[in-house]
mmCIF file of all heavy atoms, coordinates in Angstrom:
data_MODEL
# 
_entry.id   MODEL 
# 
loop_
_atom_site.group_PDB 
_atom_site.id 
_atom_site.type_symbol 
_atom_site.label_atom_id 
_atom_site.label_alt_id 
_atom_site.label_comp_id 
_atom_site.label_asym_id 
_atom_site.label_entity_id 
_atom_site.label_seq_id 
_atom_site.pdbx_PDB_ins_code 
_atom_site.Cartn_x 
_atom_site.Cartn_y 
_atom_site.Cartn_z 
_atom_site.occupancy 
_atom_site.B_iso_or_equiv 
_atom_site.pdbx_formal_charge 
_atom_site.auth_seq_id 
_atom_site.auth_comp_id 
_atom_site.auth_asym_id 
_atom_site.auth_atom_id 
_atom_site.pdbx_PDB_model_num 
ATOM 1   N N   . GLY A 1 1  ? -11.791 -18.418 7.633  1.00 0.00 ? 1  GLY A N   1 
ATOM 2   C CA  . GLY A 1 1  ? -12.528 -17.199 7.392  1.00 0.00 ? 1  GLY A CA  1 
ATOM 3   C C   . GLY A 1 1  ? -11.687 -15.947 7.323  1.00 0.00 ? 1  GLY A C   1 
ATOM 4   O O   . GLY A 1 1  ? -12.235 -14.851 7.173  1.00 0.00 ? 1  GLY A O   1 
ATOM 5   N N   . ALA A 1 2  ? -10.375 -16.085 7.446  1.00 0.00 ? 2  ALA A N   1 
ATOM 6   C CA  . ALA A 1 2  ? -9.519  -14.901 7.336  1.00 0.00 ? 2  ALA A CA  1 
ATOM 7   C C   . ALA A 1 2  ? -9.627  -14.328 5.929  1.00 0.00 ? 2  ALA A C   1 
ATOM 8   O O   . ALA A 1 2  ? -9.648  -15.070 4.945  1.00 0.00 ? 2  ALA A O   1 
ATOM 9   C CB  . ALA A 1 2  ? -8.076  -15.259 7.662  1.00 0.00 ? 2  ALA A CB  1 
ATOM 10  N N   . ARG A 1 3  ? -9.731  -13.019 5.854  1.00 0.00 ? 3  ARG A N   1 
ATOM 11  C CA  . ARG A 1 3  ? -9.848  -12.401 4.545  1.00 0.00 ? 3  ARG A CA  1 
ATOM 12  C C   . ARG A 1 3  ? -9.337  -10.965 4.601  1.00 0.00 ? 3  ARG A C   1 
ATOM 13  O O   . ARG A 1 3  ? -9.284  -10.347 5.671  1.00 0.00 ? 3  ARG A O   1 
ATOM 14  C CB  . ARG A 1 3  ? -11.295 -12.420 4.060  1.00 0.00 ? 3  ARG A CB  1 
ATOM 15  C CG  . ARG A 1 3  ? -12.237 -11.521 4.839  1.00 0.00 ? 3  ARG A CG  1 
ATOM 16  C CD  . ARG A 1 3  ? -13.681 -11.684 4.367  1.00 0.00 ? 3  ARG A CD  1 
ATOM 17  N NE  . ARG A 1 3  ? -14.556 -10.677 4.958  1.00 0.00 ? 3  ARG A NE  1 
ATOM 18  C CZ  . ARG A 1 3  ? -15.072 -10.744 6.167  1.00 0.00 ? 3  ARG A CZ  1 
ATOM 19  N NH1 . ARG A 1 3  ? -14.796 -11.779 6.942  1.00 0.00 ? 3  ARG A NH1 1 
ATOM 20  N NH2 . ARG A 1 3  ? -15.861 -9.771  6.623  1.00 0.00 ? 3  ARG A NH2 1 
ATOM 21  N N   . GLN A 1 4  ? -8.990  -10.469 3.456  1.00 0.00 ? 4  GLN A N   1 
ATOM 22  C CA  . GLN A 1 4  ? -8.551  -9.079  3.319  1.00 0.00 ? 4  GLN A CA  1 
ATOM 23  C C   . GLN A 1 4  ? -9.771  -8.184  3.170  1.00 0.00 ? 4  GLN A C   1 
ATOM 24  O O   . GLN A 1 4  ? -10.694 -8.475  2.409  1.00 0.00 ? 4  GLN A O   1 
ATOM 25  C CB  . GLN A 1 4  ? -7.645  -8.956  2.092  1.00 0.00 ? 4  GLN A CB  1 
ATOM 26  C CG  . GLN A 1 4  ? -7.272  -7.537  1.699  1.00 0.00 ? 4  GLN A CG  1 
ATOM 27  C CD  . GLN A 1 4  ? -6.483  -7.491  0.407  1.00 0.00 ? 4  GLN A CD  1 
ATOM 28  O OE1 . GLN A 1 4  ? -5.436  -8.099  0.283  1.00 0.00 ? 4  GLN A OE1 1 
ATOM 29  N NE2 . GLN A 1 4  ? -7.008  -6.761  -0.577 1.00 0.00 ? 4  GLN A NE2 1 
ATOM 30  N N   . THR A 1 5  ? -9.764  -7.075  3.889  1.00 0.00 ? 5  THR A N   1 
ATOM 31  C CA  . THR A 1 5  ? -10.840 -6.100  3.739  1.00 0.00 ? 5  THR A CA  1 
ATOM 32  C C   . THR A 1 5  ? -10.361 -4.789  3.129  1.00 0.00 ? 5  THR A C   1 
ATOM 33  O O   . THR A 1 5  ? -11.167 -4.013  2.619  1.00 0.00 ? 5  THR A O   1 
ATOM 34  C CB  . THR A 1 5  ? -11.491 -5.798  5.102  1.00 0.00 ? 5  THR A CB  1 
ATOM 35  O OG1 . THR A 1 5  ? -10.491 -5.273  5.997  1.00 0.00 ? 5  THR A OG1 1 
ATOM 36  C CG2 . THR A 1 5  ? -12.098 -7.063  5.691  1.00 0.00 ? 5  THR A CG2 1 
ATOM 37  N N   . ALA A 1 6  ? -9.052  -4.531  3.186  1.00 0.00 ? 6  ALA A N   1 
ATOM 38  C CA  . ALA A 1 6  ? -8.505  -3.306  2.599  1.00 0.00 ? 6  ALA A CA  1 
ATOM 39  C C   . ALA A 1 6  ? -7.009  -3.489  2.367  1.00 0.00 ? 6  ALA A C   1 
ATOM 40  O O   . ALA A 1 6  ? -6.377  -4.380  2.967  1.00 0.00 ? 6  ALA A O   1 
ATOM 41  C CB  . ALA A 1 6  ? -8.765  -2.102  3.507  1.00 0.00 ? 6  ALA A CB  1 
ATOM 42  N N   . TYR A 1 7  ? -6.451  -2.668  1.487  1.00 0.00 ? 7  TYR A N   1 
ATOM 43  C CA  . TYR A 1 7  ? -5.013  -2.711  1.228  1.00 0.00 ? 7  TYR A CA  1 
ATOM 44  C C   . TYR A 1 7  ? -4.490  -1.301  1.002  1.00 0.00 ? 7  TYR A C   1 
ATOM 45  O O   . TYR A 1 7  ? -5.249  -0.362  0.721  1.00 0.00 ? 7  TYR A O   1 
ATOM 46  C CB  . TYR A 1 7  ? -4.688  -3.598  0.024  1.00 0.00 ? 7  TYR A CB  1 
ATOM 47  C CG  . TYR A 1 7  ? -5.119  -3.018  -1.315 1.00 0.00 ? 7  TYR A CG  1 
ATOM 48  C CD1 . TYR A 1 7  ? -4.332  -2.094  -1.996 1.00 0.00 ? 7  TYR A CD1 1 
ATOM 49  C CD2 . TYR A 1 7  ? -6.331  -3.398  -1.897 1.00 0.00 ? 7  TYR A CD2 1 
ATOM 50  C CE1 . TYR A 1 7  ? -4.730  -1.561  -3.219 1.00 0.00 ? 7  TYR A CE1 1 
ATOM 51  C CE2 . TYR A 1 7  ? -6.740  -2.874  -3.114 1.00 0.00 ? 7  TYR A CE2 1 
ATOM 52  C CZ  . TYR A 1 7  ? -5.938  -1.953  -3.767 1.00 0.00 ? 7  TYR A CZ  1 
ATOM 53  O OH  . TYR A 1 7  ? -6.321  -1.415  -4.968 1.00 0.00 ? 7  TYR A OH  1 
ATOM 54  N N   . GLN A 1 8  ? -3.171  -1.174  1.104  1.00 0.00 ? 8  GLN A N   1 
ATOM 55  C CA  . GLN A 1 8  ? -2.474  0.062   0.769  1.00 0.00 ? 8  GLN A CA  1 
ATOM 56  C C   . GLN A 1 8  ? -1.150  -0.306  0.136  1.00 0.00 ? 8  GLN A C   1 
ATOM 57  O O   . GLN A 1 8  ? -0.389  -1.098  0.688  1.00 0.00 ? 8  GLN A O   1 
ATOM 58  C CB  . GLN A 1 8  ? -2.225  0.916   2.027  1.00 0.00 ? 8  GLN A CB  1 
ATOM 59  C CG  . GLN A 1 8  ? -1.512  2.237   1.735  1.00 0.00 ? 8  GLN A CG  1 
ATOM 60  C CD  . GLN A 1 8  ? -1.257  3.031   3.012  1.00 0.00 ? 8  GLN A CD  1 
ATOM 61  O OE1 . GLN A 1 8  ? -1.340  2.499   4.125  1.00 0.00 ? 8  GLN A OE1 1 
ATOM 62  N NE2 . GLN A 1 8  ? -0.929  4.308   2.865  1.00 0.00 ? 8  GLN A NE2 1 
ATOM 63  N N   . LEU A 1 9  ? -0.878  0.245   -1.058 1.00 0.00 ? 9  LEU A N   1 
ATOM 64  C CA  . LEU A 1 9  ? 0.379   -0.008  -1.756 1.00 0.00 ? 9  LEU A CA  1 
ATOM 65  C C   . LEU A 1 9  ? 1.300   1.192   -1.590 1.00 0.00 ? 9  LEU A C   1 
ATOM 66  O O   . LEU A 1 9  ? 0.889   2.342   -1.771 1.00 0.00 ? 9  LEU A O   1 
ATOM 67  C CB  . LEU A 1 9  ? 0.114   -0.291  -3.235 1.00 0.00 ? 9  LEU A CB  1 
ATOM 68  C CG  . LEU A 1 9  ? -0.374  -1.709  -3.534 1.00 0.00 ? 9  LEU A CG  1 
ATOM 69  C CD1 . LEU A 1 9  ? -0.957  -1.803  -4.926 1.00 0.00 ? 9  LEU A CD1 1 
ATOM 70  C CD2 . LEU A 1 9  ? 0.763   -2.717  -3.364 1.00 0.00 ? 9  LEU A CD2 1 
ATOM 71  N N   . LEU A 1 10 ? 2.562   0.895   -1.265 1.00 0.00 ? 10 LEU A N   1 
ATOM 72  C CA  . LEU A 1 10 ? 3.575   1.918   -1.044 1.00 0.00 ? 10 LEU A CA  1 
ATOM 73  C C   . LEU A 1 10 ? 4.761   1.612   -1.951 1.00 0.00 ? 10 LEU A C   1 
ATOM 74  O O   . LEU A 1 10 ? 5.393   0.558   -1.828 1.00 0.00 ? 10 LEU A O   1 
ATOM 75  C CB  . LEU A 1 10 ? 4.020   1.911   0.421  1.00 0.00 ? 10 LEU A CB  1 
ATOM 76  C CG  . LEU A 1 10 ? 2.896   2.085   1.455  1.00 0.00 ? 10 LEU A CG  1 
ATOM 77  C CD1 . LEU A 1 10 ? 3.388   1.709   2.846  1.00 0.00 ? 10 LEU A CD1 1 
ATOM 78  C CD2 . LEU A 1 10 ? 2.370   3.515   1.436  1.00 0.00 ? 10 LEU A CD2 1 
ATOM 79  N N   . VAL A 1 11 ? 5.052   2.504   -2.889 1.00 0.00 ? 11 VAL A N   1 
ATOM 80  C CA  . VAL A 1 11 ? 6.119   2.282   -3.862 1.00 0.00 ? 11 VAL A CA  1 
ATOM 81  C C   . VAL A 1 11 ? 7.139   3.401   -3.716 1.00 0.00 ? 11 VAL A C   1 
ATOM 82  O O   . VAL A 1 11 ? 6.791   4.588   -3.704 1.00 0.00 ? 11 VAL A O   1 
ATOM 83  C CB  . VAL A 1 11 ? 5.578   2.235   -5.302 1.00 0.00 ? 11 VAL A CB  1 
ATOM 84  C CG1 . VAL A 1 11 ? 6.691   1.888   -6.275 1.00 0.00 ? 11 VAL A CG1 1 
ATOM 85  C CG2 . VAL A 1 11 ? 4.443   1.213   -5.410 1.00 0.00 ? 11 VAL A CG2 1 
ATOM 86  N N   . SER A 1 12 ? 8.415   3.008   -3.617 1.00 0.00 ? 12 SER A N   1 
ATOM 87  C CA  . SER A 1 12 ? 9.480   3.951   -3.310 1.00 0.00 ? 12 SER A CA  1 
ATOM 88  C C   . SER A 1 12 ? 10.644  3.773   -4.273 1.00 0.00 ? 12 SER A C   1 
ATOM 89  O O   . SER A 1 12 ? 10.825  2.711   -4.876 1.00 0.00 ? 12 SER A O   1 
ATOM 90  C CB  . SER A 1 12 ? 9.955   3.737   -1.872 1.00 0.00 ? 12 SER A CB  1 
ATOM 91  O OG  . SER A 1 12 ? 11.100  4.498   -1.592 1.00 0.00 ? 12 SER A OG  1 
ATOM 92  N N   . SER A 1 13 ? 11.453  4.802   -4.395 1.00 0.00 ? 13 SER A N   1 
ATOM 93  C CA  . SER A 1 13 ? 12.668  4.736   -5.208 1.00 0.00 ? 13 SER A CA  1 
ATOM 94  C C   . SER A 1 13 ? 13.860  4.204   -4.415 1.00 0.00 ? 13 SER A C   1 
ATOM 95  O O   . SER A 1 13 ? 14.939  4.006   -4.973 1.00 0.00 ? 13 SER A O   1 
ATOM 96  C CB  . SER A 1 13 ? 13.003  6.118   -5.770 1.00 0.00 ? 13 SER A CB  1 
ATOM 97  O OG  . SER A 1 13 ? 13.159  7.064   -4.721 1.00 0.00 ? 13 SER A OG  1 
ATOM 98  N N   . THR A 1 14 ? 13.682  3.951   -3.115 1.00 0.00 ? 14 THR A N   1 
ATOM 99  C CA  . THR A 1 14 ? 14.731  3.385   -2.262 1.00 0.00 ? 14 THR A CA  1 
ATOM 100 C C   . THR A 1 14 ? 14.126  2.263   -1.430 1.00 0.00 ? 14 THR A C   1 
ATOM 101 O O   . THR A 1 14 ? 12.920  2.239   -1.177 1.00 0.00 ? 14 THR A O   1 
ATOM 102 C CB  . THR A 1 14 ? 15.327  4.451   -1.321 1.00 0.00 ? 14 THR A CB  1 
ATOM 103 O OG1 . THR A 1 14 ? 14.274  4.988   -0.503 1.00 0.00 ? 14 THR A OG1 1 
ATOM 104 C CG2 . THR A 1 14 ? 15.980  5.570   -2.103 1.00 0.00 ? 14 THR A CG2 1 
ATOM 105 N N   . PRO A 1 15 ? 14.946  1.314   -0.963 1.00 0.00 ? 15 PRO A N   1 
ATOM 106 C CA  . PRO A 1 15 ? 14.381  0.169   -0.234 1.00 0.00 ? 15 PRO A CA  1 
ATOM 107 C C   . PRO A 1 15 ? 13.757  0.529   1.102  1.00 0.00 ? 15 PRO A C   1 
ATOM 108 O O   . PRO A 1 15 ? 12.870  -0.166  1.571  1.00 0.00 ? 15 PRO A O   1 
ATOM 109 C CB  . PRO A 1 15 ? 15.589  -0.759  -0.053 1.00 0.00 ? 15 PRO A CB  1 
ATOM 110 C CG  . PRO A 1 15 ? 16.787  0.112   -0.224 1.00 0.00 ? 15 PRO A CG  1 
ATOM 111 C CD  . PRO A 1 15 ? 16.390  1.172   -1.190 1.00 0.00 ? 15 PRO A CD  1 
ATOM 112 N N   . ASP A 1 16 ? 14.191  1.604   1.731  1.00 0.00 ? 16 ASP A N   1 
ATOM 113 C CA  . ASP A 1 16 ? 13.659  1.945   3.042  1.00 0.00 ? 16 ASP A CA  1 
ATOM 114 C C   . ASP A 1 16 ? 13.123  3.378   3.095  1.00 0.00 ? 16 ASP A C   1 
ATOM 115 O O   . ASP A 1 16 ? 12.963  3.948   4.164  1.00 0.00 ? 16 ASP A O   1 
ATOM 116 C CB  . ASP A 1 16 ? 14.755  1.788   4.109  1.00 0.00 ? 16 ASP A CB  1 
ATOM 117 C CG  . ASP A 1 16 ? 16.021  2.561   3.751  1.00 0.00 ? 16 ASP A CG  1 
ATOM 118 O OD1 . ASP A 1 16 ? 16.050  3.177   2.677  1.00 0.00 ? 16 ASP A OD1 1 
ATOM 119 O OD2 . ASP A 1 16 ? 16.962  2.538   4.554  1.00 0.00 ? 16 ASP A OD2 1 
ATOM 120 N N   . GLY A 1 17 ? 12.836  3.956   1.928  1.00 0.00 ? 17 GLY A N   1 
ATOM 121 C CA  . GLY A 1 17 ? 12.393  5.336   1.886  1.00 0.00 ? 17 GLY A CA  1 
ATOM 122 C C   . GLY A 1 17 ? 10.884  5.474   1.943  1.00 0.00 ? 17 GLY A C   1 
ATOM 123 O O   . GLY A 1 17 ? 10.132  4.494   2.017  1.00 0.00 ? 17 GLY A O   1 
ATOM 124 N N   . VAL A 1 18 ? 10.455  6.712   1.921  1.00 0.00 ? 18 VAL A N   1 
ATOM 125 C CA  . VAL A 1 18 ? 9.018   6.990   1.893  1.00 0.00 ? 18 VAL A CA  1 
ATOM 126 C C   . VAL A 1 18 ? 8.464   6.640   0.517  1.00 0.00 ? 18 VAL A C   1 
ATOM 127 O O   . VAL A 1 18 ? 9.213   6.455   -0.453 1.00 0.00 ? 18 VAL A O   1 
ATOM 128 C CB  . VAL A 1 18 ? 8.766   8.476   2.208  1.00 0.00 ? 18 VAL A CB  1 
ATOM 129 C CG1 . VAL A 1 18 ? 9.261   8.811   3.604  1.00 0.00 ? 18 VAL A CG1 1 
ATOM 130 C CG2 . VAL A 1 18 ? 9.438   9.383   1.184  1.00 0.00 ? 18 VAL A CG2 1 
ATOM 131 N N   . ALA A 1 19 ? 7.139   6.566   0.436  1.00 0.00 ? 19 ALA A N   1 
ATOM 132 C CA  . ALA A 1 19 ? 6.484   6.193   -0.824 1.00 0.00 ? 19 ALA A CA  1 
ATOM 133 C C   . ALA A 1 19 ? 6.481   7.386   -1.770 1.00 0.00 ? 19 ALA A C   1 
ATOM 134 O O   . ALA A 1 19 ? 5.446   8.008   -2.012 1.00 0.00 ? 19 ALA A O   1 
ATOM 135 C CB  . ALA A 1 19 ? 5.081   5.693   -0.548 1.00 0.00 ? 19 ALA A CB  1 
ATOM 136 N N   . ASP A 1 20 ? 7.651   7.718   -2.311 1.00 0.00 ? 20 ASP A N   1 
ATOM 137 C CA  . ASP A 1 20 ? 7.766   8.895   -3.166 1.00 0.00 ? 20 ASP A CA  1 
ATOM 138 C C   . ASP A 1 20 ? 7.283   8.644   -4.585 1.00 0.00 ? 20 ASP A C   1 
ATOM 139 O O   . ASP A 1 20 ? 7.104   9.590   -5.357 1.00 0.00 ? 20 ASP A O   1 
ATOM 140 C CB  . ASP A 1 20 ? 9.210   9.403   -3.187 1.00 0.00 ? 20 ASP A CB  1 
ATOM 141 C CG  . ASP A 1 20 ? 10.203  8.320   -3.603 1.00 0.00 ? 20 ASP A CG  1 
ATOM 142 O OD1 . ASP A 1 20 ? 9.861   7.124   -3.515 1.00 0.00 ? 20 ASP A OD1 1 
ATOM 143 O OD2 . ASP A 1 20 ? 11.328  8.676   -4.012 1.00 0.00 ? 20 ASP A OD2 1 
ATOM 144 N N   . LEU A 1 21 ? 7.053   7.375   -4.960 1.00 0.00 ? 21 LEU A N   1 
ATOM 145 C CA  . LEU A 1 21 ? 6.538   7.072   -6.292 1.00 0.00 ? 21 LEU A CA  1 
ATOM 146 C C   . LEU A 1 21 ? 5.026   6.870   -6.294 1.00 0.00 ? 21 LEU A C   1 
ATOM 147 O O   . LEU A 1 21 ? 4.337   7.295   -7.211 1.00 0.00 ? 21 LEU A O   1 
ATOM 148 C CB  . LEU A 1 21 ? 7.229   5.825   -6.858 1.00 0.00 ? 21 LEU A CB  1 
ATOM 149 C CG  . LEU A 1 21 ? 8.730   5.961   -7.118 1.00 0.00 ? 21 LEU A CG  1 
ATOM 150 C CD1 . LEU A 1 21 ? 9.304   4.646   -7.621 1.00 0.00 ? 21 LEU A CD1 1 
ATOM 151 C CD2 . LEU A 1 21 ? 9.028   7.084   -8.103 1.00 0.00 ? 21 LEU A CD2 1 
ATOM 152 N N   . TRP A 1 22 ? 4.530   6.218   -5.237 1.00 0.00 ? 22 TRP A N   1 
ATOM 153 C CA  . TRP A 1 22 ? 3.073   6.011   -5.177 1.00 0.00 ? 22 TRP A CA  1 
ATOM 154 C C   . TRP A 1 22 ? 2.661   5.569   -3.786 1.00 0.00 ? 22 TRP A C   1 
ATOM 155 O O   . TRP A 1 22 ? 3.276   4.669   -3.201 1.00 0.00 ? 22 TRP A O   1 
ATOM 156 C CB  . TRP A 1 22 ? 2.636   4.955   -6.187 1.00 0.00 ? 22 TRP A CB  1 
ATOM 157 C CG  . TRP A 1 22 ? 1.145   4.776   -6.292 1.00 0.00 ? 22 TRP A CG  1 
ATOM 158 C CD1 . TRP A 1 22 ? 0.192   5.753   -6.233 1.00 0.00 ? 22 TRP A CD1 1 
ATOM 159 C CD2 . TRP A 1 22 ? 0.434   3.544   -6.470 1.00 0.00 ? 22 TRP A CD2 1 
ATOM 160 N NE1 . TRP A 1 22 ? -1.066  5.216   -6.374 1.00 0.00 ? 22 TRP A NE1 1 
ATOM 161 C CE2 . TRP A 1 22 ? -0.950  3.862   -6.523 1.00 0.00 ? 22 TRP A CE2 1 
ATOM 162 C CE3 . TRP A 1 22 ? 0.818   2.226   -6.605 1.00 0.00 ? 22 TRP A CE3 1 
ATOM 163 C CZ2 . TRP A 1 22 ? -1.933  2.900   -6.692 1.00 0.00 ? 22 TRP A CZ2 1 
ATOM 164 C CZ3 . TRP A 1 22 ? -0.148  1.249   -6.778 1.00 0.00 ? 22 TRP A CZ3 1 
ATOM 165 C CH2 . TRP A 1 22 ? -1.508  1.583   -6.833 1.00 0.00 ? 22 TRP A CH2 1 
ATOM 166 N N   . ASP A 1 23 ? 1.653   6.220   -3.270 1.00 0.00 ? 23 ASP A N   1 
ATOM 167 C CA  . ASP A 1 23 ? 0.958   5.789   -2.060 1.00 0.00 ? 23 ASP A CA  1 
ATOM 168 C C   . ASP A 1 23 ? -0.522  5.715   -2.421 1.00 0.00 ? 23 ASP A C   1 
ATOM 169 O O   . ASP A 1 23 ? -1.166  6.729   -2.655 1.00 0.00 ? 23 ASP A O   1 
ATOM 170 C CB  . ASP A 1 23 ? 1.195   6.775   -0.917 1.00 0.00 ? 23 ASP A CB  1 
ATOM 171 C CG  . ASP A 1 23 ? 0.517   6.335   0.372  1.00 0.00 ? 23 ASP A CG  1 
ATOM 172 O OD1 . ASP A 1 23 ? -0.304  5.399   0.334  1.00 0.00 ? 23 ASP A OD1 1 
ATOM 173 O OD2 . ASP A 1 23 ? 0.803   6.945   1.419  1.00 0.00 ? 23 ASP A OD2 1 
ATOM 174 N N   . SER A 1 24 ? -1.031  4.508   -2.516 1.00 0.00 ? 24 SER A N   1 
ATOM 175 C CA  . SER A 1 24 ? -2.419  4.324   -2.949 1.00 0.00 ? 24 SER A CA  1 
ATOM 176 C C   . SER A 1 24 ? -3.419  4.800   -1.901 1.00 0.00 ? 24 SER A C   1 
ATOM 177 O O   . SER A 1 24 ? -4.598  5.002   -2.208 1.00 0.00 ? 24 SER A O   1 
ATOM 178 C CB  . SER A 1 24 ? -2.687  2.850   -3.267 1.00 0.00 ? 24 SER A CB  1 
ATOM 179 O OG  . SER A 1 24 ? -2.681  2.079   -2.077 1.00 0.00 ? 24 SER A OG  1 
ATOM 180 N N   . GLY A 1 25 ? -2.932  4.988   -0.664 1.00 0.00 ? 25 GLY A N   1 
ATOM 181 C CA  . GLY A 1 25 ? -3.867  5.222   0.419  1.00 0.00 ? 25 GLY A CA  1 
ATOM 182 C C   . GLY A 1 25 ? -4.632  3.944   0.725  1.00 0.00 ? 25 GLY A C   1 
ATOM 183 O O   . GLY A 1 25 ? -4.512  2.926   0.032  1.00 0.00 ? 25 GLY A O   1 
ATOM 184 N N   . ARG A 1 26 ? -5.421  3.968   1.778  1.00 0.00 ? 26 ARG A N   1 
ATOM 185 C CA  . ARG A 1 26 ? -6.216  2.783   2.107  1.00 0.00 ? 26 ARG A CA  1 
ATOM 186 C C   . ARG A 1 26 ? -7.316  2.612   1.070  1.00 0.00 ? 26 ARG A C   1 
ATOM 187 O O   . ARG A 1 26 ? -8.078  3.545   0.771  1.00 0.00 ? 26 ARG A O   1 
ATOM 188 C CB  . ARG A 1 26 ? -6.819  2.905   3.501  1.00 0.00 ? 26 ARG A CB  1 
ATOM 189 C CG  . ARG A 1 26 ? -7.769  1.761   3.817  1.00 0.00 ? 26 ARG A CG  1 
ATOM 190 C CD  . ARG A 1 26 ? -8.263  1.786   5.235  1.00 0.00 ? 26 ARG A CD  1 
ATOM 191 N NE  . ARG A 1 26 ? -9.353  0.815   5.411  1.00 0.00 ? 26 ARG A NE  1 
ATOM 192 C CZ  . ARG A 1 26 ? -9.585  0.128   6.501  1.00 0.00 ? 26 ARG A CZ  1 
ATOM 193 N NH1 . ARG A 1 26 ? -8.805  0.291   7.559  1.00 0.00 ? 26 ARG A NH1 1 
ATOM 194 N NH2 . ARG A 1 26 ? -10.604 -0.712  6.572  1.00 0.00 ? 26 ARG A NH2 1 
ATOM 195 N N   . VAL A 1 27 ? -7.378  1.396   0.515  1.00 0.00 ? 27 VAL A N   1 
ATOM 196 C CA  . VAL A 1 27 ? -8.408  1.059   -0.467 1.00 0.00 ? 27 VAL A CA  1 
ATOM 197 C C   . VAL A 1 27 ? -9.244  -0.076  0.113  1.00 0.00 ? 27 VAL A C   1 
ATOM 198 O O   . VAL A 1 27 ? -8.729  -1.172  0.364  1.00 0.00 ? 27 VAL A O   1 
ATOM 199 C CB  . VAL A 1 27 ? -7.778  0.626   -1.816 1.00 0.00 ? 27 VAL A CB  1 
ATOM 200 C CG1 . VAL A 1 27 ? -8.875  0.273   -2.816 1.00 0.00 ? 27 VAL A CG1 1 
ATOM 201 C CG2 . VAL A 1 27 ? -6.872  1.709   -2.373 1.00 0.00 ? 27 VAL A CG2 1 
ATOM 202 N N   . ASP A 1 28 ? -10.497 0.181   0.355  1.00 0.00 ? 28 ASP A N   1 
ATOM 203 C CA  . ASP A 1 28 ? -11.381 -0.858  0.896  1.00 0.00 ? 28 ASP A CA  1 
ATOM 204 C C   . ASP A 1 28 ? -11.741 -1.837  -0.221 1.00 0.00 ? 28 ASP A C   1 
ATOM 205 O O   . ASP A 1 28 ? -12.635 -1.590  -1.037 1.00 0.00 ? 28 ASP A O   1 
ATOM 206 C CB  . ASP A 1 28 ? -12.643 -0.232  1.487  1.00 0.00 ? 28 ASP A CB  1 
ATOM 207 C CG  . ASP A 1 28 ? -12.345 0.602   2.725  1.00 0.00 ? 28 ASP A CG  1 
ATOM 208 O OD1 . ASP A 1 28 ? -11.426 0.229   3.485  1.00 0.00 ? 28 ASP A OD1 1 
ATOM 209 O OD2 . ASP A 1 28 ? -13.012 1.636   2.922  1.00 0.00 ? 28 ASP A OD2 1 
ATOM 210 N N   . SER A 1 29 ? -11.018 -2.952  -0.258 1.00 0.00 ? 29 SER A N   1 
ATOM 211 C CA  . SER A 1 29 ? -11.196 -3.924  -1.334 1.00 0.00 ? 29 SER A CA  1 
ATOM 212 C C   . SER A 1 29 ? -10.533 -5.226  -0.929 1.00 0.00 ? 29 SER A C   1 
ATOM 213 O O   . SER A 1 29 ? -9.547  -5.246  -0.183 1.00 0.00 ? 29 SER A O   1 
ATOM 214 C CB  . SER A 1 29 ? -10.565 -3.402  -2.631 1.00 0.00 ? 29 SER A CB  1 
ATOM 215 O OG  . SER A 1 29 ? -10.527 -4.406  -3.616 1.00 0.00 ? 29 SER A OG  1 
ATOM 216 N N   . CYS A 1 30 ? -11.076 -6.326  -1.431 1.00 0.00 ? 30 CYS A N   1 
ATOM 217 C CA  . CYS A 1 30 ? -10.458 -7.633  -1.224 1.00 0.00 ? 30 CYS A CA  1 
ATOM 218 C C   . CYS A 1 30 ? -9.516  -7.995  -2.374 1.00 0.00 ? 30 CYS A C   1 
ATOM 219 O O   . CYS A 1 30 ? -8.935  -9.081  -2.379 1.00 0.00 ? 30 CYS A O   1 
ATOM 220 C CB  . CYS A 1 30 ? -11.523 -8.711  -1.062 1.00 0.00 ? 30 CYS A CB  1 
ATOM 221 S SG  . CYS A 1 30 ? -12.550 -8.939  -2.537 1.00 0.00 ? 30 CYS A SG  1 
# 
């Protein structure tokens, strides 16, 4: 019964940097 209820995508120009390209924010979706 494990399932996803929300996601957040974080895209960065560096491997350990902040999401300077895209932060989707929390999206309530499976």
